[in-house]
Amino acid sequence: MTQQRAPLPHDFHPEVPAFTVVSDALAPGAVLGAAQVYAEGNVSPQLRWEGFPAETKSFAVTCFDPDAPTGSGFWHWVLFDIPASVTELPAGAGSGSFAGLPEGAVHARNDYGSKDFGGAAPPAGDGPHRYVFTVYAVDSETLGPDSDASPAVVGFHLRFHALARASVIGEYEVPAAD
């Protein structure tokens, strides 16, 4: 039996133009490194973006696992109100001390219940999971919610305020125990 892949989080949003996001830590479609795994490094990857609309006033960054066995996926990272002048986040910007996180940026809680990046941790034997890192170009300096907002509330606001978006997708799986 072939496992059907779940839709991506923005498949239900209106189409918007694309721009480019790249990462020194993650090639599109590649396996996540140990640094991005919850039990091993739990470090958000470096991300850099370009080609977004000139009218962009801020950015948001999310990481979502649509393949999590929850019926609603799993949000690993929800960051918004990144100033429009910022076009790169260093590795670890969403982890621990938030070194390199721009002033004014807001972390909402992820599905681990913490306000930071939470790395990959799929159940053993569940097959490969996709980790969708998305950068949104936003039409306002502040998105609206505060850090206590759920990922769904932030997603609701992004649905109406995204001018463009860019994604890079990595995969990770934990083999079944023998």
C-alpha atoms as a PDB file:
ATOM      1  CA  MET A   1       0.000   0.000   0.000  1.00  0.00           C
ATOM      2  CA  THR A   2       1.426   3.375  -1.008  1.00  0.00           C
ATOM      3  CA  GLN A   3       1.072   6.179   1.505  1.00  0.00           C
ATOM      4  CA  GLN A   4      -0.695   9.195   0.004  1.00  0.00           C
ATOM      5  CA  ARG A   5       1.142  12.497   0.502  1.00  0.00           C
ATOM      6  CA  ALA A   6      -0.731  15.198   2.364  1.00  0.00           C
ATOM      7  CA  PRO A   7      -1.197  18.617   0.756  1.00  0.00           C
ATOM      8  CA  LEU A   8       1.213  21.431   1.578  1.00  0.00           C
ATOM      9  CA  PRO A   9       0.037  24.166   3.991  1.00  0.00           C
ATOM     10  CA  HIS A  10      -0.348  26.835   1.332  1.00  0.00           C
ATOM     11  CA  ASP A  11      -2.178  24.606  -1.157  1.00  0.00           C
ATOM     12  CA  PHE A  12      -5.387  26.024   0.334  1.00  0.00           C
ATOM     13  CA  HIS A  13      -4.348  29.674   0.033  1.00  0.00           C
ATOM     14  CA  PRO A  14      -4.773  31.865  -3.024  1.00  0.00           C
ATOM     15  CA  GLU A  15      -1.991  31.653  -5.589  1.00  0.00           C
ATOM     16  CA  VAL A  16       0.662  34.322  -5.159  1.00  0.00           C
ATOM     17  CA  PRO A  17       3.925  34.927  -7.019  1.00  0.00           C
ATOM     18  CA  ALA A  18       6.961  32.897  -6.039  1.00  0.00           C
ATOM     19  CA  PHE A  19      10.416  34.102  -5.115  1.00  0.00           C
ATOM     20  CA  THR A  20      13.585  32.243  -4.135  1.00  0.00           C
ATOM     21  CA  VAL A  21      14.666  30.840  -0.781  1.00  0.00           C
ATOM     22  CA  VAL A  22      17.870  28.828  -0.330  1.00  0.00           C
ATOM     23  CA  SER A  23      19.691  27.310   2.615  1.00  0.00           C
ATOM     24  CA  ASP A  24      23.313  26.355   3.158  1.00  0.00           C
ATOM     25  CA  ALA A  25      22.005  23.549   5.386  1.00  0.00           C
ATOM     26  CA  LEU A  26      19.279  22.163   3.137  1.00  0.00           C
ATOM     27  CA  ALA A  27      19.138  21.363  -0.558  1.00  0.00           C
ATOM     28  CA  PRO A  28      15.620  21.022  -2.012  1.00  0.00           C
ATOM     29  CA  GLY A  29      14.395  17.446  -1.512  1.00  0.00           C
ATOM     30  CA  ALA A  30      17.454  16.438   0.515  1.00  0.00           C
ATOM     31  CA  VAL A  31      17.418  14.734   3.888  1.00  0.00           C
ATOM     32  CA  LEU A  32      17.534  17.112   6.852  1.00  0.00           C
ATOM     33  CA  GLY A  33      20.840  17.187   8.670  1.00  0.00           C
ATOM     34  CA  ALA A  34      21.240  16.112  12.278  1.00  0.00           C
ATOM     35  CA  ALA A  35      21.207  19.778  13.318  1.00  0.00           C
ATOM     36  CA  GLN A  36      17.539  20.059  12.260  1.00  0.00           C
ATOM     37  CA  VAL A  37      16.453  16.917  14.155  1.00  0.00           C
ATOM     38  CA  TYR A  38      14.748  17.470  17.501  1.00  0.00           C
ATOM     39  CA  ALA A  39      16.733  14.913  19.522  1.00  0.00           C
ATOM     40  CA  GLU A  40      20.078  15.655  17.885  1.00  0.00           C
ATOM     41  CA  GLY A  41      20.610  19.372  17.247  1.00  0.00           C
ATOM     42  CA  ASN A  42      17.260  21.153  17.196  1.00  0.00           C
ATOM     43  CA  VAL A  43      18.785  24.098  15.332  1.00  0.00           C
ATOM     44  CA  SER A  44      16.829  26.102  12.768  1.00  0.00           C
ATOM     45  CA  PRO A  45      18.581  26.114   9.383  1.00  0.00           C
ATOM     46  CA  GLN A  46      20.152  29.151   7.770  1.00  0.00           C
ATOM     47  CA  LEU A  47      17.755  30.653   5.201  1.00  0.00           C
ATOM     48  CA  ARG A  48      18.352  33.362   2.574  1.00  0.00           C
ATOM     49  CA  TRP A  49      15.773  34.812   0.169  1.00  0.00           C
ATOM     50  CA  GLU A  50      15.572  37.140  -2.831  1.00  0.00           C
ATOM     51  CA  GLY A  51      13.282  38.175  -5.674  1.00  0.00           C
ATOM     52  CA  PHE A  52      10.330  39.136  -3.467  1.00  0.00           C
ATOM     53  CA  PRO A  53       7.963  42.000  -4.426  1.00  0.00           C
ATOM     54  CA  ALA A  54       9.242  45.555  -3.919  1.00  0.00           C
ATOM     55  CA  GLU A  55       6.158  46.416  -1.838  1.00  0.00           C
ATOM     56  CA  THR A  56       7.070  43.814   0.834  1.00  0.00           C
ATOM     57  CA  LYS A  57       6.843  45.353   4.326  1.00  0.00           C
ATOM     58  CA  SER A  58       7.856  42.291   6.404  1.00  0.00           C
ATOM     59  CA  PHE A  59       8.459  38.549   6.226  1.00  0.00           C
ATOM     60  CA  ALA A  60       7.217  35.449   8.007  1.00  0.00           C
ATOM     61  CA  VAL A  61       8.950  32.069   8.173  1.00  0.00           C
ATOM     62  CA  THR A  62       7.283  28.753   8.939  1.00  0.00           C
ATOM     63  CA  CYS A  63       8.240  25.094   8.993  1.00  0.00           C
ATOM     64  CA  PHE A  64       5.416  22.587   8.586  1.00  0.00           C
ATOM     65  CA  ASP A  65       5.310  18.772   8.407  1.00  0.00           C
ATOM     66  CA  PRO A  66       2.220  17.896   6.341  1.00  0.00           C
ATOM     67  CA  ASP A  67       2.926  14.161   6.794  1.00  0.00           C
ATOM     68  CA  ALA A  68       2.628  14.092  10.598  1.00  0.00           C
ATOM     69  CA  PRO A  69       0.071  11.487  11.699  1.00  0.00           C
ATOM     70  CA  THR A  70      -2.244  14.047  13.297  1.00  0.00           C
ATOM     71  CA  GLY A  71      -4.843  14.732  10.631  1.00  0.00           C
ATOM     72  CA  SER A  72      -3.706  18.359  10.621  1.00  0.00           C
ATOM     73  CA  GLY A  73       0.063  18.202  10.153  1.00  0.00           C
ATOM     74  CA  PHE A  74       2.590  19.598  12.618  1.00  0.00           C
ATOM     75  CA  TRP A  75       3.972  23.151  12.882  1.00  0.00           C
ATOM     76  CA  HIS A  76       7.671  23.175  13.790  1.00  0.00           C
ATOM     77  CA  TRP A  77       8.351  26.907  13.435  1.00  0.00           C
ATOM     78  CA  VAL A  78       6.202  30.042  13.235  1.00  0.00           C
ATOM     79  CA  LEU A  79       8.071  33.352  13.033  1.00  0.00           C
ATOM     80  CA  PHE A  80       6.675  36.663  11.744  1.00  0.00           C
ATOM     81  CA  ASP A  81       7.148  40.448  11.732  1.00  0.00           C
ATOM     82  CA  ILE A  82      10.664  40.067  10.340  1.00  0.00           C
ATOM     83  CA  PRO A  83      11.619  43.517   8.990  1.00  0.00           C
ATOM     84  CA  ALA A  84      11.640  43.876   5.195  1.00  0.00           C
ATOM     85  CA  SER A  85      15.322  44.833   5.323  1.00  0.00           C
ATOM     86  CA  VAL A  86      16.214  41.328   6.560  1.00  0.00           C
ATOM     87  CA  THR A  87      16.792  38.771   3.791  1.00  0.00           C
ATOM     88  CA  GLU A  88      18.657  36.089   5.727  1.00  0.00           C
ATOM     89  CA  LEU A  89      18.411  34.259   9.028  1.00  0.00           C
ATOM     90  CA  PRO A  90      21.529  32.521  10.343  1.00  0.00           C
ATOM     91  CA  ALA A  91      21.451  28.924  11.569  1.00  0.00           C
ATOM     92  CA  GLY A  92      20.017  28.862  15.063  1.00  0.00           C
ATOM     93  CA  ALA A  93      18.051  32.111  14.740  1.00  0.00           C
ATOM     94  CA  GLY A  94      14.936  30.226  15.834  1.00  0.00           C
ATOM     95  CA  SER A  95      16.606  28.150  18.524  1.00  0.00           C
ATOM     96  CA  GLY A  96      17.782  28.684  22.074  1.00  0.00           C
ATOM     97  CA  SER A  97      19.096  32.219  22.566  1.00  0.00           C
ATOM     98  CA  PHE A  98      17.660  33.430  19.213  1.00  0.00           C
ATOM     99  CA  ALA A  99      21.073  34.747  18.167  1.00  0.00           C
ATOM    100  CA  GLY A 100      20.725  36.509  14.841  1.00  0.00           C
ATOM    101  CA  LEU A 101      16.980  37.029  15.157  1.00  0.00           C
ATOM    102  CA  PRO A 102      16.101  40.571  14.036  1.00  0.00           C
ATOM    103  CA  GLU A 103      14.603  43.009  16.516  1.00  0.00           C
ATOM    104  CA  GLY A 104      10.819  43.036  16.331  1.00  0.00           C
ATOM    105  CA  ALA A 105      10.456  39.495  15.012  1.00  0.00           C
ATOM    106  CA  VAL A 106       7.820  37.443  16.830  1.00  0.00           C
ATOM    107  CA  HIS A 107       7.839  33.706  17.516  1.00  0.00           C
ATOM    108  CA  ALA A 108       4.419  32.130  17.935  1.00  0.00           C
ATOM    109  CA  ARG A 109       4.201  28.786  19.635  1.00  0.00           C
ATOM    110  CA  ASN A 110       4.808  25.711  17.547  1.00  0.00           C
ATOM    111  CA  ASP A 111       3.012  22.402  17.965  1.00  0.00           C
ATOM    112  CA  TYR A 112       5.564  21.334  20.594  1.00  0.00           C
ATOM    113  CA  GLY A 113       4.126  24.202  22.646  1.00  0.00           C
ATOM    114  CA  SER A 114       7.301  26.301  22.634  1.00  0.00           C
ATOM    115  CA  LYS A 115       8.060  29.634  20.981  1.00  0.00           C
ATOM    116  CA  ASP A 116      11.063  28.583  18.904  1.00  0.00           C
ATOM    117  CA  PHE A 117      12.129  26.133  16.197  1.00  0.00           C
ATOM    118  CA  GLY A 118      11.408  22.496  17.030  1.00  0.00           C
ATOM    119  CA  GLY A 119      13.256  20.005  14.865  1.00  0.00           C
ATOM    120  CA  ALA A 120      12.077  16.912  13.014  1.00  0.00           C
ATOM    121  CA  ALA A 121      10.835  14.018  15.147  1.00  0.00           C
ATOM    122  CA  PRO A 122       8.609  11.721  13.077  1.00  0.00           C
ATOM    123  CA  PRO A 123       7.439   8.442  14.608  1.00  0.00           C
ATOM    124  CA  ALA A 124       9.679   5.450  13.919  1.00  0.00           C
ATOM    125  CA  GLY A 125       8.528   3.488  10.879  1.00  0.00           C
ATOM    126  CA  ASP A 126       6.122   6.192   9.668  1.00  0.00           C
ATOM    127  CA  GLY A 127       8.044   6.723   6.434  1.00  0.00           C
ATOM    128  CA  PRO A 128       9.599   9.930   5.159  1.00  0.00           C
ATOM    129  CA  HIS A 129       8.108  13.200   6.332  1.00  0.00           C
ATOM    130  CA  ARG A 130       8.438  16.466   4.423  1.00  0.00           C
ATOM    131  CA  TYR A 131       9.547  19.593   6.251  1.00  0.00           C
ATOM    132  CA  VAL A 132       8.325  22.651   4.342  1.00  0.00           C
ATOM    133  CA  PHE A 133      10.298  25.788   5.178  1.00  0.00           C
ATOM    134  CA  THR A 134       8.342  28.728   3.754  1.00  0.00           C
ATOM    135  CA  VAL A 135       9.213  32.413   3.661  1.00  0.00           C
ATOM    136  CA  TYR A 136       6.241  34.734   3.102  1.00  0.00           C
ATOM    137  CA  ALA A 137       6.553  38.294   1.792  1.00  0.00           C
ATOM    138  CA  VAL A 138       3.930  40.238   3.768  1.00  0.00           C
ATOM    139  CA  ASP A 139       2.074  43.453   2.867  1.00  0.00           C
ATOM    140  CA  SER A 140       2.308  45.021   6.358  1.00  0.00           C
ATOM    141  CA  GLU A 141       5.059  45.665   8.895  1.00  0.00           C
ATOM    142  CA  THR A 142       3.165  43.734  11.555  1.00  0.00           C
ATOM    143  CA  LEU A 143       0.966  40.756  10.826  1.00  0.00           C
ATOM    144  CA  GLY A 144      -1.433  41.261  13.737  1.00  0.00           C
ATOM    145  CA  PRO A 145      -1.231  38.292  16.100  1.00  0.00           C
ATOM    146  CA  ASP A 146       1.036  38.191  19.133  1.00  0.00           C
ATOM    147  CA  SER A 147       3.361  35.429  20.334  1.00  0.00           C
ATOM    148  CA  ASP A 148       0.507  33.572  22.037  1.00  0.00           C
ATOM    149  CA  ALA A 149      -1.252  32.964  18.708  1.00  0.00           C
ATOM    150  CA  SER A 150      -1.623  29.436  17.436  1.00  0.00           C
ATOM    151  CA  PRO A 151      -0.067  28.466  14.107  1.00  0.00           C
ATOM    152  CA  ALA A 152      -3.604  28.350  12.647  1.00  0.00           C
ATOM    153  CA  VAL A 153      -4.250  31.991  13.577  1.00  0.00           C
ATOM    154  CA  VAL A 154      -0.927  33.076  12.081  1.00  0.00           C
ATOM    155  CA  GLY A 155      -1.758  31.049   8.945  1.00  0.00           C
ATOM    156  CA  PHE A 156      -5.136  32.766   8.733  1.00  0.00           C
ATOM    157  CA  HIS A 157      -3.428  36.174   8.699  1.00  0.00           C
ATOM    158  CA  LEU A 158      -0.831  35.020   6.174  1.00  0.00           C
ATOM    159  CA  ARG A 159      -3.612  33.843   3.861  1.00  0.00           C
ATOM    160  CA  PHE A 160      -4.814  37.444   3.553  1.00  0.00           C
ATOM    161  CA  HIS A 161      -1.478  39.302   3.748  1.00  0.00           C
ATOM    162  CA  ALA A 162       1.003  37.239   1.717  1.00  0.00           C
ATOM    163  CA  LEU A 163       2.213  39.039  -1.393  1.00  0.00           C
ATOM    164  CA  ALA A 164       4.455  36.131  -2.442  1.00  0.00           C
ATOM    165  CA  ARG A 165       6.074  33.043  -0.937  1.00  0.00           C
ATOM    166  CA  ALA A 166       9.035  30.754  -1.380  1.00  0.00           C
ATOM    167  CA  SER A 167       9.626  27.267   0.008  1.00  0.00           C
ATOM    168  CA  VAL A 168      12.408  24.751   0.347  1.00  0.00           C
ATOM    169  CA  ILE A 169      11.436  21.218   1.356  1.00  0.00           C
ATOM    170  CA  GLY A 170      13.593  18.642   3.104  1.00  0.00           C
ATOM    171  CA  GLU A 171      12.748  15.135   4.259  1.00  0.00           C
ATOM    172  CA  TYR A 172      13.484  13.053   7.313  1.00  0.00           C
ATOM    173  CA  GLU A 173      12.437   9.662   8.596  1.00  0.00           C
ATOM    174  CA  VAL A 174      13.167   7.381  11.497  1.00  0.00           C
ATOM    175  CA  PRO A 175      13.407   3.717  10.446  1.00  0.00           C
ATOM    176  CA  ALA A 176      11.168   1.183  12.156  1.00  0.00           C
ATOM    177  CA  ALA A 177      12.682  -0.570  15.149  1.00  0.00           C
ATOM    178  CA  ASP A 178      13.748  -4.146  14.445  1.00  0.00           C
END
